[in-house]
Amino acid sequence: MARIDESRPFIPVNIAVLTVSDTRSTANDTSGDTLVARIEAAGHHLVARAIEKDDVADITRRLRDWIADPHVDVVISTGGTGVTGRDVTPEAFEQVLEKRIEGFGELFRMLSWQKIGTSTMQSRALGGVAGGTYLFALPGSPGAVKDGWDDILVWQLDNRHRPCSLVELMPRLQEHLRTKVAE
């Protein structure tokens, strides 16, 4: 059964938060604020925060900048994961992802089902890896941010989580590059 192994030290990770919205600003970004508060309460480091309009090129540029930044371990976005014409966060993520973490979106929707029923099918929440950086896209409501963080990410971004966590895989995310260099 999943548990926290208190005999292991906690290792904080560096997280960037991206809000994707045509209507949010720093004054009314409740989902971004919710996510930042949870990240900091868990003991992680908020290393960057931004708001981008629902535009694939702008979102992709921001993601590429953070992926290239060695001080960013994880990017978590909120917003733009629905099915309307302006919801383009998954399309932007597809421009940068090297590997998808299919289980993240599946697990998010399974957990969301328990709270909002069939409406969860409208979520295109997703996770993946690019350039050794984890990327997660959450829906834009504070409730969805709470669900994604409290039920999934807080555990997987804690190296003490047993039987395993994403943090312990971080040193190996770019091992394919080391293999090519050694050849």
Protein backbone atom coordinates (compact mmCIF):
# COMPACT_ATOMS: atom_id res chain seq x y z
CA MET A 1 0.00 0.00 0.00
CA ALA A 2 1.17 3.55 -0.71
CA ARG A 3 2.72 5.39 2.21
CA ILE A 4 5.29 8.01 3.19
CA ASP A 5 8.56 6.54 4.44
CA GLU A 6 9.55 8.92 7.24
CA SER A 7 13.03 7.38 7.41
CA ARG A 8 13.87 9.00 4.05
CA PRO A 9 14.71 12.72 3.84
CA PHE A 10 12.31 15.02 2.02
CA ILE A 11 13.84 16.46 -1.18
CA PRO A 12 12.15 19.68 -2.34
CA VAL A 13 11.77 20.12 -6.08
CA ASN A 14 11.77 23.35 -8.08
CA ILE A 15 8.37 24.02 -9.62
CA ALA A 16 7.17 26.59 -12.17
CA VAL A 17 3.46 27.42 -12.35
CA LEU A 18 1.78 28.51 -15.57
CA THR A 19 -1.78 29.79 -15.69
CA VAL A 20 -3.29 29.63 -19.16
CA SER A 21 -6.18 32.05 -19.54
CA ASP A 22 -7.48 34.91 -21.64
CA THR A 23 -9.18 36.44 -18.59
CA ARG A 24 -6.91 35.89 -15.56
CA SER A 25 -4.38 38.35 -14.17
CA THR A 26 -2.18 38.28 -11.09
CA ALA A 27 -5.06 39.92 -9.21
CA ASN A 28 -7.63 37.18 -9.92
CA ASP A 29 -5.64 34.01 -10.64
CA THR A 30 -7.36 31.90 -7.99
CA SER A 31 -6.29 28.57 -9.48
CA GLY A 32 -2.66 29.66 -9.73
CA ASP A 33 -2.82 30.99 -6.17
CA THR A 34 -4.30 27.70 -4.96
CA LEU A 35 -1.55 25.72 -6.65
CA VAL A 36 1.26 27.97 -5.37
CA ALA A 37 -0.04 27.76 -1.79
CA ARG A 38 -0.07 23.96 -1.96
CA ILE A 39 3.40 23.75 -3.51
CA GLU A 40 4.87 25.94 -0.80
CA ALA A 41 2.97 24.19 2.03
CA ALA A 42 4.42 20.87 0.84
CA GLY A 43 7.95 22.29 1.15
CA HIS A 44 8.78 22.65 -2.54
CA HIS A 45 10.30 25.73 -4.19
CA LEU A 46 8.26 27.96 -6.49
CA VAL A 47 10.93 29.11 -8.96
CA ALA A 48 8.74 30.79 -11.58
CA ARG A 49 5.17 31.80 -12.22
CA ALA A 50 3.51 33.23 -15.31
CA ILE A 51 0.19 33.79 -17.03
CA GLU A 52 -0.13 33.18 -20.77
CA LYS A 53 -3.11 33.72 -23.07
CA ASP A 54 -4.74 30.71 -24.72
CA ASP A 55 -2.27 30.71 -27.61
CA VAL A 56 -0.27 27.64 -28.65
CA ALA A 57 2.83 29.61 -29.68
CA ASP A 58 2.95 31.63 -26.43
CA ILE A 59 2.39 28.59 -24.22
CA THR A 60 4.95 26.54 -26.16
CA ARG A 61 7.55 29.32 -25.90
CA ARG A 62 7.06 29.55 -22.14
CA LEU A 63 7.28 25.76 -21.75
CA ARG A 64 10.47 25.60 -23.84
CA ASP A 65 12.04 28.37 -21.74
CA TRP A 66 11.29 26.54 -18.50
CA ILE A 67 12.35 23.14 -19.88
CA ALA A 68 15.70 24.69 -20.84
CA ASP A 69 16.13 26.24 -17.39
CA PRO A 70 18.22 23.91 -15.18
CA HIS A 71 16.54 25.41 -12.10
CA VAL A 72 13.08 24.09 -13.12
CA ASP A 73 12.35 20.44 -12.29
CA VAL A 74 8.58 20.48 -12.79
CA VAL A 75 6.11 22.68 -14.68
CA ILE A 76 2.46 22.59 -13.64
CA SER A 77 -0.08 24.49 -15.69
CA THR A 78 -3.68 25.28 -14.90
CA GLY A 79 -6.25 26.13 -17.53
CA GLY A 80 -6.89 25.52 -21.19
CA THR A 81 -7.45 21.75 -20.97
CA GLY A 82 -11.12 21.72 -21.96
CA VAL A 83 -12.68 21.21 -25.37
CA THR A 84 -13.66 24.71 -26.44
CA GLY A 85 -12.01 26.48 -29.35
CA ARG A 86 -9.72 28.52 -27.06
CA ASP A 87 -8.58 25.51 -24.98
CA VAL A 88 -5.15 24.77 -26.47
CA THR A 89 -2.91 23.78 -23.56
CA PRO A 90 -2.69 20.08 -24.60
CA GLU A 91 -1.79 21.11 -28.14
CA ALA A 92 1.02 23.31 -26.80
CA PHE A 93 2.26 20.50 -24.54
CA GLU A 94 2.32 18.15 -27.55
CA GLN A 95 4.78 20.55 -29.22
CA VAL A 96 7.36 19.93 -26.47
CA LEU A 97 6.72 16.53 -24.87
CA GLU A 98 9.24 13.76 -25.42
CA LYS A 99 7.26 11.18 -23.43
CA ARG A 100 3.71 11.24 -22.18
CA ILE A 101 2.81 10.00 -18.72
CA GLU A 102 -0.54 8.53 -19.77
CA GLY A 103 -1.38 7.42 -16.24
CA PHE A 104 -1.52 11.01 -14.97
CA GLY A 105 -4.49 12.02 -17.12
CA GLU A 106 -6.17 8.67 -16.60
CA LEU A 107 -5.77 8.88 -12.82
CA PHE A 108 -6.88 12.52 -12.74
CA ARG A 109 -10.09 11.67 -14.60
CA MET A 110 -10.72 8.60 -12.44
CA LEU A 111 -10.43 10.66 -9.26
CA SER A 112 -12.43 13.51 -10.78
CA TRP A 113 -15.21 11.07 -11.71
CA GLN A 114 -15.88 10.56 -8.01
CA LYS A 115 -16.59 14.30 -7.62
CA ILE A 116 -18.09 15.51 -10.89
CA GLY A 117 -19.23 12.31 -12.61
CA THR A 118 -19.32 12.17 -16.36
CA SER A 119 -18.30 15.83 -16.67
CA THR A 120 -14.74 14.61 -16.16
CA MET A 121 -14.69 13.46 -19.79
CA GLN A 122 -14.32 17.13 -20.77
CA SER A 123 -10.89 17.30 -19.13
CA ARG A 124 -7.79 16.80 -21.22
CA ALA A 125 -5.45 16.88 -18.21
CA LEU A 126 -2.10 15.35 -19.12
CA GLY A 127 1.43 14.75 -17.97
CA GLY A 128 4.77 14.08 -19.58
CA VAL A 129 8.49 14.67 -19.70
CA ALA A 130 10.64 16.94 -21.86
CA GLY A 131 14.32 17.77 -21.46
CA GLY A 132 14.42 16.10 -18.07
CA THR A 133 11.54 18.27 -16.81
CA TYR A 134 8.17 16.93 -15.71
CA LEU A 135 5.17 18.71 -17.23
CA PHE A 136 1.60 18.49 -15.94
CA ALA A 137 -1.48 20.26 -17.31
CA LEU A 138 -4.42 20.64 -14.94
CA PRO A 139 -7.84 22.14 -15.65
CA GLY A 140 -8.38 25.78 -14.67
CA SER A 141 -10.74 25.52 -11.72
CA PRO A 142 -9.45 25.74 -8.14
CA GLY A 143 -11.23 22.45 -7.42
CA ALA A 144 -9.42 20.68 -10.24
CA VAL A 145 -6.10 22.14 -9.06
CA LYS A 146 -6.79 20.84 -5.55
CA ASP A 147 -7.67 17.40 -6.92
CA GLY A 148 -4.60 17.20 -9.13
CA TRP A 149 -2.25 18.36 -6.39
CA ASP A 150 -3.80 16.80 -3.27
CA ASP A 151 -4.63 13.43 -4.80
CA ILE A 152 -1.71 12.88 -7.18
CA LEU A 153 1.14 15.35 -7.43
CA VAL A 154 1.81 15.96 -3.73
CA TRP A 155 2.53 12.22 -3.45
CA GLN A 156 4.45 11.67 -6.66
CA LEU A 157 6.63 14.75 -6.08
CA ASP A 158 7.62 13.47 -2.63
CA ASN A 159 10.65 11.16 -2.78
CA ARG A 160 9.51 9.53 0.48
CA HIS A 161 6.39 8.14 -1.19
CA ARG A 162 6.52 4.35 -1.37
CA PRO A 163 6.56 2.17 -3.33
CA CYS A 164 7.96 4.78 -5.73
CA SER A 165 7.78 8.42 -6.82
CA LEU A 166 8.62 10.55 -9.81
CA VAL A 167 11.31 12.37 -7.81
CA GLU A 168 13.54 9.32 -7.55
CA LEU A 169 13.44 9.00 -11.35
CA MET A 170 14.62 12.57 -11.95
CA PRO A 171 18.34 11.71 -12.20
CA ARG A 172 17.49 9.16 -14.91
CA LEU A 173 15.20 11.27 -17.12
CA GLN A 174 18.02 12.08 -19.52
CA GLU A 175 20.01 8.86 -19.30
CA HIS A 176 19.37 8.20 -23.01
CA LEU A 177 21.53 11.27 -23.74
CA ARG A 178 24.40 9.98 -21.61
CA THR A 179 24.27 6.63 -23.41
CA LYS A 180 24.56 8.33 -26.82
CA VAL A 181 27.50 10.46 -25.66
CA ALA A 182 29.32 7.40 -24.28
CA GLU A 183 29.00 5.49 -27.59
